[in-house]
Protein backbone atom coordinates (compact mmCIF):
# COMPACT_ATOMS: atom_id res chain seq x y z
CA MET A 1 0.00 0.00 0.00
CA PHE A 2 1.13 3.56 -0.66
CA ASN A 3 -0.48 6.99 -0.62
CA LEU A 4 -0.74 9.81 -3.12
CA MET A 5 -1.25 13.27 -1.67
CA HIS A 6 -2.29 16.46 -3.45
CA LEU A 7 -0.79 19.12 -1.24
CA GLY A 8 -2.85 21.98 -2.67
CA SER A 9 -6.20 20.39 -1.83
CA GLY A 10 -5.25 17.99 0.96
CA ILE A 11 -6.76 15.06 -0.93
CA LYS A 12 -5.12 11.74 -0.05
CA ILE A 13 -5.53 8.58 -2.11
CA ASP A 14 -4.56 5.18 -0.73
CA ARG A 15 -3.23 2.84 -3.40
CA ILE A 16 -3.43 -0.85 -2.51
CA VAL A 17 -1.72 -3.69 -4.35
CA ARG A 18 -4.04 -6.70 -4.43
CA ASN A 19 -2.97 -9.78 -2.51
CA ASP A 20 -4.62 -13.21 -2.35
CA THR A 21 -6.05 -13.03 1.18
CA GLY A 22 -9.68 -12.79 2.24
CA ASN A 23 -12.03 -11.39 -0.35
CA ARG A 24 -9.42 -9.38 -2.29
CA HIS A 25 -10.35 -10.91 -5.67
CA VAL A 26 -14.02 -10.09 -5.07
CA GLU A 27 -13.10 -6.66 -3.73
CA PHE A 28 -11.03 -5.74 -6.78
CA ALA A 29 -13.70 -7.05 -9.16
CA ARG A 30 -16.26 -4.74 -7.49
CA ARG A 31 -14.24 -1.53 -7.87
CA LYS A 32 -16.15 1.41 -9.34
CA PRO A 33 -14.79 3.45 -12.28
CA ILE A 34 -14.56 7.20 -11.65
CA GLU A 35 -12.89 10.22 -13.20
CA ILE A 36 -10.98 12.72 -11.07
CA ALA A 37 -9.58 15.85 -12.72
CA GLY A 38 -9.62 14.13 -16.11
CA VAL A 39 -7.93 10.96 -14.85
CA CYS A 40 -9.85 7.69 -15.04
CA THR A 41 -9.32 5.30 -12.14
CA ARG A 42 -11.24 2.84 -10.00
CA ILE A 43 -12.23 3.05 -6.35
CA VAL A 44 -13.22 0.42 -3.85
CA SER A 45 -16.92 -0.12 -3.16
CA ARG A 46 -18.38 1.29 0.05
CA GLU A 47 -18.99 -2.24 1.38
CA ASP A 48 -15.42 -3.37 0.76
CA LEU A 49 -14.06 -0.18 2.29
CA MET A 50 -16.17 -0.81 5.39
CA LEU A 51 -14.92 -4.39 5.66
CA ALA A 52 -11.30 -3.27 5.33
CA LYS A 53 -11.79 -0.60 7.99
CA LEU A 54 -13.40 -3.12 10.36
CA VAL A 55 -10.42 -5.46 9.93
CA TRP A 56 -8.09 -2.51 10.57
CA ALA A 57 -10.04 -1.56 13.70
CA ARG A 58 -9.91 -5.14 14.96
CA ASP A 59 -6.20 -5.56 14.32
CA ALA A 60 -5.09 -2.09 15.44
CA ARG A 61 -7.63 -1.80 18.28
CA SER A 62 -8.39 1.69 17.03
CA GLN A 63 -11.64 3.65 17.19
CA LEU A 64 -10.79 5.82 14.16
CA PRO A 65 -11.83 3.25 11.53
CA MET A 66 -14.94 2.43 13.59
CA ARG A 67 -16.00 6.08 13.31
CA ASP A 68 -15.44 5.90 9.56
CA VAL A 69 -17.60 2.76 9.26
CA ARG A 70 -20.44 4.42 11.18
CA ALA A 71 -20.32 7.31 8.71
CA LEU A 72 -20.47 4.87 5.77
CA LEU A 73 -23.57 3.00 6.98
CA ASP A 74 -25.95 5.17 4.93
CA GLU A 75 -28.02 3.47 2.24
CA PRO A 76 -27.66 2.09 -0.35
CA LEU A 77 -25.61 -0.78 1.02
CA ASP A 78 -25.23 -4.33 -0.30
CA ARG A 79 -26.31 -6.03 2.92
CA ALA A 80 -26.00 -9.52 1.40
CA LEU A 81 -22.33 -8.91 0.60
CA MET A 82 -21.71 -7.49 4.07
CA GLY A 83 -23.54 -10.41 5.68
CA GLU A 84 -21.44 -12.90 3.73
CA TRP A 85 -17.99 -11.33 4.05
CA ALA A 86 -18.00 -9.73 7.50
CA PRO A 87 -18.05 -13.12 9.29
CA LYS A 88 -15.52 -14.56 6.82
CA ARG A 89 -13.15 -11.69 7.63
CA GLY A 90 -13.75 -12.09 11.35
CA VAL A 91 -15.63 -8.81 11.85
CA GLY A 92 -19.27 -9.93 11.80
CA GLN A 93 -19.84 -9.14 15.48
CA MET A 94 -18.19 -5.73 15.12
CA LEU A 95 -20.50 -4.90 12.19
CA GLU A 96 -23.57 -5.91 14.18
CA GLU A 97 -22.48 -3.74 17.12
CA ILE A 98 -22.02 -0.71 14.88
CA ARG A 99 -25.44 -1.22 13.25
CA GLN A 100 -27.19 -0.93 16.63
């Protein structure tokens, strides 16, 4: 993983190299195409971002990613995907706690 930072605007982009753990193949297949300042790229889906942040929160024992996940809970959300992958990634209970 590495970051790109635009100093003028303060925008930070995390670049992640896909590995073969967890749902990474599914995650990369679900990326969404976008255009930023004339540059075409792909971004992770909201669901996959939430799952990654939950794993980070679990492993780092940090509240920062938990706050981010709460902010991302707005609809629309692929609840079937979340229900399938959260337990597989070991964060199903954390997701349920945040939803309440």
